[in-house]
Amino acid sequence: MQPKTLPLVIVPFAVSGVIHLVKPETFEPIIPTPLRPWARDLVLVSGVAELACAAGLLHPRTRPAAGLASAALLLAVWPANAQMSVDLGRRAQRRRDPRSWASFALSLGRLPLQVPMIRAAWRAWQG
């Protein structure tokens, strides 16, 4: 039986994983500055990892390993999401338009939403 919270991880990972592979340039700017020389590779690897985790969470036999991998992946990409918020905040300060401020606010709101995703992944690992 699939825990009710698993779609919180599976759906975003599946969608994001596809986007990472189809349009990696979308994610390259949010790679933290020290890692930017490897931005394209990191985006592609994280996309494959997201798809693998989403698929692994679907089957009870692979769910524990995929749960642990998903929690680790969510923690690993958190700095990139924080970098996105920093960059959007800087852009909002420069542009001072409602759209930029809204993008910044949404990016900030997204950061704590990873916590329930991490919890769901962790529960999948624990069985």
C-alpha atoms as a PDB file:
ATOM      1  CA  MET A   1       0.000   0.000   0.000  1.00  0.00           C
ATOM      2  CA  GLN A   2       1.277   3.452  -0.907  1.00  0.00           C
ATOM      3  CA  PRO A   3       1.346   5.994   1.949  1.00  0.00           C
ATOM      4  CA  LYS A   4      -0.940   8.964   1.347  1.00  0.00           C
ATOM      5  CA  THR A   5       1.907  11.478   1.505  1.00  0.00           C
ATOM      6  CA  LEU A   6       4.035   9.903  -1.230  1.00  0.00           C
ATOM      7  CA  PRO A   7       2.416  11.927  -4.043  1.00  0.00           C
ATOM      8  CA  LEU A   8       3.925  14.975  -2.313  1.00  0.00           C
ATOM      9  CA  VAL A   9       7.292  13.636  -3.463  1.00  0.00           C
ATOM     10  CA  ILE A  10       6.483  11.553  -6.533  1.00  0.00           C
ATOM     11  CA  VAL A  11       4.587  14.179  -8.538  1.00  0.00           C
ATOM     12  CA  PRO A  12       7.016  17.096  -8.055  1.00  0.00           C
ATOM     13  CA  PHE A  13      10.005  14.821  -8.681  1.00  0.00           C
ATOM     14  CA  ALA A  14       8.495  13.404 -11.868  1.00  0.00           C
ATOM     15  CA  VAL A  15       7.558  16.818 -13.261  1.00  0.00           C
ATOM     16  CA  SER A  16      10.768  18.523 -12.202  1.00  0.00           C
ATOM     17  CA  GLY A  17      12.922  15.615 -13.388  1.00  0.00           C
ATOM     18  CA  VAL A  18      11.487  15.867 -16.886  1.00  0.00           C
ATOM     19  CA  ILE A  19      11.990  19.639 -16.976  1.00  0.00           C
ATOM     20  CA  HIS A  20      15.587  19.227 -15.764  1.00  0.00           C
ATOM     21  CA  LEU A  21      16.297  16.978 -18.741  1.00  0.00           C
ATOM     22  CA  VAL A  22      14.282  18.823 -21.402  1.00  0.00           C
ATOM     23  CA  LYS A  23      15.188  22.407 -20.437  1.00  0.00           C
ATOM     24  CA  PRO A  24      18.277  22.257 -18.205  1.00  0.00           C
ATOM     25  CA  GLU A  25      19.000  25.940 -18.853  1.00  0.00           C
ATOM     26  CA  THR A  26      15.964  26.714 -16.673  1.00  0.00           C
ATOM     27  CA  PHE A  27      17.779  25.414 -13.597  1.00  0.00           C
ATOM     28  CA  GLU A  28      21.378  26.348 -14.320  1.00  0.00           C
ATOM     29  CA  PRO A  29      21.099  29.881 -12.880  1.00  0.00           C
ATOM     30  CA  ILE A  30      20.062  28.565  -9.460  1.00  0.00           C
ATOM     31  CA  ILE A  31      23.120  26.373  -9.026  1.00  0.00           C
ATOM     32  CA  PRO A  32      25.054  27.902  -6.111  1.00  0.00           C
ATOM     33  CA  THR A  33      27.925  30.054  -7.335  1.00  0.00           C
ATOM     34  CA  PRO A  34      30.803  27.754  -6.255  1.00  0.00           C
ATOM     35  CA  LEU A  35      29.245  24.877  -8.242  1.00  0.00           C
ATOM     36  CA  ARG A  36      28.411  26.812 -11.414  1.00  0.00           C
ATOM     37  CA  PRO A  37      31.335  25.418 -13.463  1.00  0.00           C
ATOM     38  CA  TRP A  38      29.428  22.104 -13.341  1.00  0.00           C
ATOM     39  CA  ALA A  39      25.924  23.586 -13.616  1.00  0.00           C
ATOM     40  CA  ARG A  40      24.718  21.660 -16.693  1.00  0.00           C
ATOM     41  CA  ASP A  41      26.016  18.330 -15.385  1.00  0.00           C
ATOM     42  CA  LEU A  42      24.511  18.916 -11.943  1.00  0.00           C
ATOM     43  CA  VAL A  43      21.132  19.841 -13.435  1.00  0.00           C
ATOM     44  CA  LEU A  44      21.075  16.734 -15.628  1.00  0.00           C
ATOM     45  CA  VAL A  45      22.200  14.422 -12.829  1.00  0.00           C
ATOM     46  CA  SER A  46      19.616  15.872 -10.447  1.00  0.00           C
ATOM     47  CA  GLY A  47      16.903  15.404 -13.090  1.00  0.00           C
ATOM     48  CA  VAL A  48      17.807  11.740 -13.516  1.00  0.00           C
ATOM     49  CA  ALA A  49      17.948  11.353  -9.735  1.00  0.00           C
ATOM     50  CA  GLU A  50      14.493  12.902  -9.327  1.00  0.00           C
ATOM     51  CA  LEU A  51      13.005  10.563 -11.928  1.00  0.00           C
ATOM     52  CA  ALA A  52      14.711   7.541 -10.363  1.00  0.00           C
ATOM     53  CA  CYS A  53      13.452   8.491  -6.912  1.00  0.00           C
ATOM     54  CA  ALA A  54       9.903   9.061  -8.173  1.00  0.00           C
ATOM     55  CA  ALA A  55       9.897   5.681  -9.901  1.00  0.00           C
ATOM     56  CA  GLY A  56      11.433   3.953  -6.886  1.00  0.00           C
ATOM     57  CA  LEU A  57       8.802   5.348  -4.548  1.00  0.00           C
ATOM     58  CA  LEU A  58       6.047   3.735  -6.615  1.00  0.00           C
ATOM     59  CA  HIS A  59       6.945   0.133  -5.780  1.00  0.00           C
ATOM     60  CA  PRO A  60       6.894  -1.250  -2.223  1.00  0.00           C
ATOM     61  CA  ARG A  61      10.103  -3.244  -2.751  1.00  0.00           C
ATOM     62  CA  THR A  62      12.156  -0.199  -3.831  1.00  0.00           C
ATOM     63  CA  ARG A  63      10.327   2.357  -1.696  1.00  0.00           C
ATOM     64  CA  PRO A  64      12.659   2.292   1.355  1.00  0.00           C
ATOM     65  CA  ALA A  65      15.823   2.918  -0.691  1.00  0.00           C
ATOM     66  CA  ALA A  66      14.030   5.485  -2.839  1.00  0.00           C
ATOM     67  CA  GLY A  67      12.702   7.189   0.294  1.00  0.00           C
ATOM     68  CA  LEU A  68      16.173   7.584   1.729  1.00  0.00           C
ATOM     69  CA  ALA A  69      17.544   8.737  -1.628  1.00  0.00           C
ATOM     70  CA  SER A  70      14.645  11.204  -2.009  1.00  0.00           C
ATOM     71  CA  ALA A  71      15.225  12.731   1.421  1.00  0.00           C
ATOM     72  CA  ALA A  72      18.941  13.062   0.667  1.00  0.00           C
ATOM     73  CA  LEU A  73      18.235  14.603  -2.739  1.00  0.00           C
ATOM     74  CA  LEU A  74      15.805  17.117  -1.277  1.00  0.00           C
ATOM     75  CA  LEU A  75      18.423  18.163   1.257  1.00  0.00           C
ATOM     76  CA  ALA A  76      21.104  18.336  -1.443  1.00  0.00           C
ATOM     77  CA  VAL A  77      19.097  20.645  -3.709  1.00  0.00           C
ATOM     78  CA  TRP A  78      17.944  22.940  -0.911  1.00  0.00           C
ATOM     79  CA  PRO A  79      20.969  25.256  -1.412  1.00  0.00           C
ATOM     80  CA  ALA A  80      20.022  25.687  -5.070  1.00  0.00           C
ATOM     81  CA  ASN A  81      16.487  26.637  -4.053  1.00  0.00           C
ATOM     82  CA  ALA A  82      17.880  29.084  -1.513  1.00  0.00           C
ATOM     83  CA  GLN A  83      20.147  30.536  -4.216  1.00  0.00           C
ATOM     84  CA  MET A  84      17.094  30.996  -6.418  1.00  0.00           C
ATOM     85  CA  SER A  85      15.398  32.985  -3.651  1.00  0.00           C
ATOM     86  CA  VAL A  86      18.493  35.152  -3.162  1.00  0.00           C
ATOM     87  CA  ASP A  87      18.716  35.828  -6.892  1.00  0.00           C
ATOM     88  CA  LEU A  88      15.009  36.592  -7.189  1.00  0.00           C
ATOM     89  CA  GLY A  89      15.221  38.904  -4.179  1.00  0.00           C
ATOM     90  CA  ARG A  90      18.075  40.820  -5.808  1.00  0.00           C
ATOM     91  CA  ARG A  91      16.126  41.032  -9.061  1.00  0.00           C
ATOM     92  CA  ALA A  92      13.046  42.297  -7.222  1.00  0.00           C
ATOM     93  CA  GLN A  93      15.120  45.007  -5.533  1.00  0.00           C
ATOM     94  CA  ARG A  94      16.512  46.112  -8.905  1.00  0.00           C
ATOM     95  CA  ARG A  95      13.264  46.024 -10.861  1.00  0.00           C
ATOM     96  CA  ARG A  96      10.847  47.010  -8.093  1.00  0.00           C
ATOM     97  CA  ASP A  97       7.871  45.671 -10.021  1.00  0.00           C
ATOM     98  CA  PRO A  98       4.996  43.529  -8.692  1.00  0.00           C
ATOM     99  CA  ARG A  99       5.883  40.495 -10.809  1.00  0.00           C
ATOM    100  CA  SER A 100       9.454  40.367  -9.499  1.00  0.00           C
ATOM    101  CA  TRP A 101       8.295  40.737  -5.902  1.00  0.00           C
ATOM    102  CA  ALA A 102       5.686  38.000  -6.421  1.00  0.00           C
ATOM    103  CA  SER A 103       8.321  35.635  -7.853  1.00  0.00           C
ATOM    104  CA  PHE A 104      10.553  36.349  -4.884  1.00  0.00           C
ATOM    105  CA  ALA A 105       7.710  35.753  -2.406  1.00  0.00           C
ATOM    106  CA  LEU A 106       6.759  32.468  -4.073  1.00  0.00           C
ATOM    107  CA  SER A 107      10.364  31.286  -3.993  1.00  0.00           C
ATOM    108  CA  LEU A 108      10.562  32.031  -0.267  1.00  0.00           C
ATOM    109  CA  GLY A 109       7.295  30.188   0.322  1.00  0.00           C
ATOM    110  CA  ARG A 110       8.635  27.195  -1.561  1.00  0.00           C
ATOM    111  CA  LEU A 111      11.591  26.658   0.778  1.00  0.00           C
ATOM    112  CA  PRO A 112       9.602  25.482   3.830  1.00  0.00           C
ATOM    113  CA  LEU A 113       7.364  23.343   1.591  1.00  0.00           C
ATOM    114  CA  GLN A 114      10.321  21.013   1.134  1.00  0.00           C
ATOM    115  CA  VAL A 115      10.007  20.011   4.795  1.00  0.00           C
ATOM    116  CA  PRO A 116       6.807  17.939   4.282  1.00  0.00           C
ATOM    117  CA  MET A 117       8.410  16.404   1.199  1.00  0.00           C
ATOM    118  CA  ILE A 118      11.448  15.389   3.233  1.00  0.00           C
ATOM    119  CA  ARG A 119       9.199  13.968   5.963  1.00  0.00           C
ATOM    120  CA  ALA A 120       7.209  11.925   3.409  1.00  0.00           C
ATOM    121  CA  ALA A 121      10.410  10.582   1.868  1.00  0.00           C
ATOM    122  CA  TRP A 122      11.812   9.767   5.313  1.00  0.00           C
ATOM    123  CA  ARG A 123       8.637   7.876   6.225  1.00  0.00           C
ATOM    124  CA  ALA A 124       8.927   5.876   3.001  1.00  0.00           C
ATOM    125  CA  TRP A 125      12.459   4.884   4.018  1.00  0.00           C
ATOM    126  CA  GLN A 126      11.350   3.832   7.484  1.00  0.00           C
ATOM    127  CA  GLY A 127       8.505   1.771   6.039  1.00  0.00           C
END
